[in-house]
Amino acid sequence: MSNVIAVKQLLGYEKKRVLLALDITRFFENVEMFKVEYFYRSKNCSPKISKVLCRLSCVKRGPKYDPEDIYSIARGFSTSTRLAVWSYITAFYRIHDLVMKKLKKYDLRIAIFIDDIGISASGAPQDLMESLEEDINNILKFESRGGLSRRKPHLGVERRTKKKKGENV
């Protein structure tokens, strides 16, 4: 799914949609080597092969001149996005279930694109959306030691209007 398709999915067709845009902080850095190894083991790789694949997939976390002793997924490796998403999959399912439960009456839409989570609902109360953000943050803290970025959360109302014939948007 591309980010354009994800945005179109979020808009839906109902009016007065409340949009909640979230970003997972330090997405790749929070996937430590043990989680990557667990993923490989869950796919029936032997312990030895799992460790070799982890060494190829992970690097020391932190700046190059002063790295930590913790290994995590590297940014920019061709394997990084897939491994990170698979490592977060349990959290993504828990978030999906939570959103479905809390917003089922509001023509909800949810899209998760790598480390961005978009949720929209038609006419949902703002306090409900704010509590949902807090619940999602708690899921992420529990599942990945991470959480939501404080710089990106956005809650707004999108009012769709029908385009008149011949009108440019």
Protein backbone atom coordinates (compact mmCIF):
# COMPACT_ATOMS: atom_id res chain seq x y z
CA MET A 1 0.00 0.00 0.00
CA SER A 2 1.38 3.41 -0.89
CA ASN A 3 0.94 6.50 1.26
CA VAL A 4 -1.44 7.99 -1.35
CA ILE A 5 -3.71 4.93 -1.20
CA ALA A 6 -3.57 5.05 2.61
CA VAL A 7 -4.74 8.69 2.63
CA LYS A 8 -7.59 7.96 0.20
CA GLN A 9 -8.67 5.07 2.42
CA LEU A 10 -8.76 7.36 5.46
CA LEU A 11 -10.98 9.97 3.85
CA GLY A 12 -13.96 7.66 3.32
CA TYR A 13 -17.23 9.08 2.05
CA GLU A 14 -18.96 10.39 5.16
CA LYS A 15 -18.83 14.08 6.06
CA LYS A 16 -17.18 15.72 9.08
CA ARG A 17 -14.45 13.15 9.48
CA VAL A 18 -12.22 13.48 12.51
CA LEU A 19 -8.64 12.63 11.59
CA LEU A 20 -5.96 11.40 13.97
CA ALA A 21 -2.44 11.27 12.50
CA LEU A 22 0.22 9.56 14.62
CA ASP A 23 3.90 8.77 14.21
CA ILE A 24 5.81 6.02 16.02
CA THR A 25 8.96 7.46 17.55
CA ARG A 26 12.34 5.86 16.75
CA PHE A 27 10.56 3.15 14.77
CA PHE A 28 13.64 1.28 13.55
CA GLU A 29 15.79 1.95 16.61
CA ASN A 30 13.19 0.38 18.91
CA VAL A 31 13.39 -2.97 17.12
CA GLU A 32 16.26 -4.56 19.00
CA MET A 33 18.21 -7.58 17.83
CA PHE A 34 16.40 -10.03 20.13
CA LYS A 35 13.09 -9.16 18.42
CA VAL A 36 14.62 -9.71 14.99
CA GLU A 37 16.04 -13.03 16.14
CA TYR A 38 12.63 -14.00 17.51
CA PHE A 39 11.11 -13.20 14.11
CA TYR A 40 13.63 -15.40 12.26
CA ARG A 41 13.14 -18.22 14.78
CA SER A 42 9.37 -17.98 14.33
CA LYS A 43 9.97 -18.64 10.62
CA ASN A 44 11.78 -21.90 11.49
CA CYS A 45 15.35 -20.66 11.06
CA SER A 46 17.85 -22.49 13.22
CA PRO A 47 19.42 -20.56 16.12
CA LYS A 48 22.71 -20.32 14.22
CA ILE A 49 21.12 -19.01 11.00
CA SER A 50 18.93 -16.61 13.01
CA LYS A 51 22.00 -15.09 14.66
CA VAL A 52 23.80 -14.72 11.31
CA LEU A 53 20.77 -13.00 9.77
CA CYS A 54 20.53 -10.70 12.79
CA ARG A 55 24.16 -9.66 12.41
CA LEU A 56 23.43 -8.81 8.77
CA SER A 57 20.25 -6.90 9.62
CA CYS A 58 21.21 -4.96 12.76
CA VAL A 59 23.79 -2.37 13.75
CA LYS A 60 24.78 -0.72 17.02
CA ARG A 61 22.22 1.87 17.96
CA GLY A 62 23.21 5.51 18.28
CA PRO A 63 25.63 7.84 16.49
CA LYS A 64 28.55 6.24 14.66
CA TYR A 65 31.11 8.08 16.77
CA ASP A 66 29.54 6.92 20.07
CA PRO A 67 27.28 3.88 19.55
CA GLU A 68 25.45 2.10 22.34
CA ASP A 69 26.01 -1.57 23.15
CA ILE A 70 22.50 -2.33 21.89
CA TYR A 71 21.91 -3.63 18.38
CA SER A 72 18.78 -2.65 16.47
CA ILE A 73 17.51 -2.54 12.92
CA ALA A 74 19.48 -0.18 10.73
CA ARG A 75 17.80 2.62 8.84
CA GLY A 76 18.13 2.31 5.09
CA PHE A 77 18.90 -1.40 4.78
CA SER A 78 16.67 -3.10 2.23
CA THR A 79 15.47 -5.50 4.92
CA SER A 80 14.77 -2.86 7.57
CA THR A 81 11.21 -1.84 6.73
CA ARG A 82 9.92 -5.38 6.42
CA LEU A 83 11.66 -6.58 9.58
CA ALA A 84 10.43 -3.58 11.56
CA VAL A 85 6.83 -4.02 10.43
CA TRP A 86 6.94 -7.75 11.24
CA SER A 87 8.45 -6.95 14.63
CA TYR A 88 5.61 -4.51 15.36
CA ILE A 89 2.87 -6.76 13.94
CA THR A 90 1.44 -7.74 17.35
CA ALA A 91 1.17 -4.06 18.33
CA PHE A 92 -0.46 -3.24 14.97
CA TYR A 93 -3.07 -5.98 15.49
CA ARG A 94 -3.77 -4.76 19.03
CA ILE A 95 -4.15 -1.18 17.73
CA HIS A 96 -6.50 -2.36 14.98
CA ASP A 97 -8.66 -4.27 17.48
CA LEU A 98 -8.77 -1.29 19.85
CA VAL A 99 -9.78 1.13 17.09
CA MET A 100 -12.46 -1.28 15.81
CA LYS A 101 -13.89 -1.60 19.31
CA LYS A 102 -13.87 2.10 20.22
CA LEU A 103 -14.95 3.59 16.88
CA LYS A 104 -17.28 0.98 15.39
CA LYS A 105 -20.23 3.43 15.39
CA TYR A 106 -18.34 6.16 13.48
CA ASP A 107 -17.59 4.82 9.98
CA LEU A 108 -14.00 4.33 11.02
CA ARG A 109 -10.97 4.04 8.76
CA ILE A 110 -7.47 3.03 9.81
CA ALA A 111 -4.29 2.95 7.77
CA ILE A 112 -0.84 1.98 9.00
CA PHE A 113 2.03 2.83 6.68
CA ILE A 114 5.40 1.83 8.13
CA ASP A 115 5.65 4.12 11.20
CA ASP A 116 2.64 6.34 10.49
CA ILE A 117 -0.83 5.56 11.81
CA GLY A 118 -3.85 7.35 10.42
CA ILE A 119 -7.32 6.98 11.89
CA SER A 120 -10.46 8.75 10.77
CA ALA A 121 -14.02 8.53 11.97
CA SER A 122 -17.19 10.30 10.97
CA GLY A 123 -18.47 12.54 13.75
CA ALA A 124 -16.44 10.93 16.56
CA PRO A 125 -16.12 13.10 19.68
CA GLN A 126 -12.72 14.73 20.10
CA ASP A 127 -12.29 13.38 23.64
CA LEU A 128 -12.80 9.84 22.34
CA MET A 129 -10.09 10.37 19.71
CA GLU A 130 -7.73 11.83 22.32
CA SER A 131 -8.24 8.85 24.63
CA LEU A 132 -7.63 6.56 21.66
CA GLU A 133 -4.28 8.27 21.06
CA GLU A 134 -3.32 7.64 24.70
CA ASP A 135 -4.36 3.98 24.47
CA ILE A 136 -2.34 3.49 21.27
CA ASN A 137 0.69 5.07 22.92
CA ASN A 138 0.36 2.61 25.83
CA ILE A 139 0.17 -0.36 23.45
CA LEU A 140 3.32 0.79 21.67
CA LYS A 141 5.18 1.34 24.94
CA PHE A 142 4.26 -2.15 26.10
CA GLU A 143 4.97 -3.94 22.80
CA SER A 144 8.06 -2.11 21.57
CA ARG A 145 9.53 0.09 24.30
CA GLY A 146 8.68 2.95 22.00
CA GLY A 147 5.67 5.17 21.78
CA LEU A 148 4.20 7.96 19.76
CA SER A 149 6.18 10.95 18.66
CA ARG A 150 5.11 14.09 20.48
CA ARG A 151 5.86 16.24 17.46
CA LYS A 152 3.40 14.71 15.01
CA PRO A 153 0.05 13.89 16.65
CA HIS A 154 -2.61 15.77 14.77
CA LEU A 155 -6.29 15.80 15.46
CA GLY A 156 -8.51 17.68 13.10
CA VAL A 157 -11.84 17.73 11.33
CA GLU A 158 -11.93 17.30 7.59
CA ARG A 159 -15.04 18.59 5.87
CA ARG A 160 -15.52 17.09 2.45
CA THR A 161 -17.49 19.01 -0.09
CA LYS A 162 -18.69 17.67 -3.38
CA LYS A 163 -16.88 19.04 -6.39
CA LYS A 164 -19.17 20.95 -8.73
CA LYS A 165 -19.06 20.10 -12.40
CA GLY A 166 -16.22 21.96 -14.12
CA GLU A 167 -14.67 23.13 -10.83
CA ASN A 168 -10.93 22.67 -10.25
CA VAL A 169 -9.70 21.57 -6.86
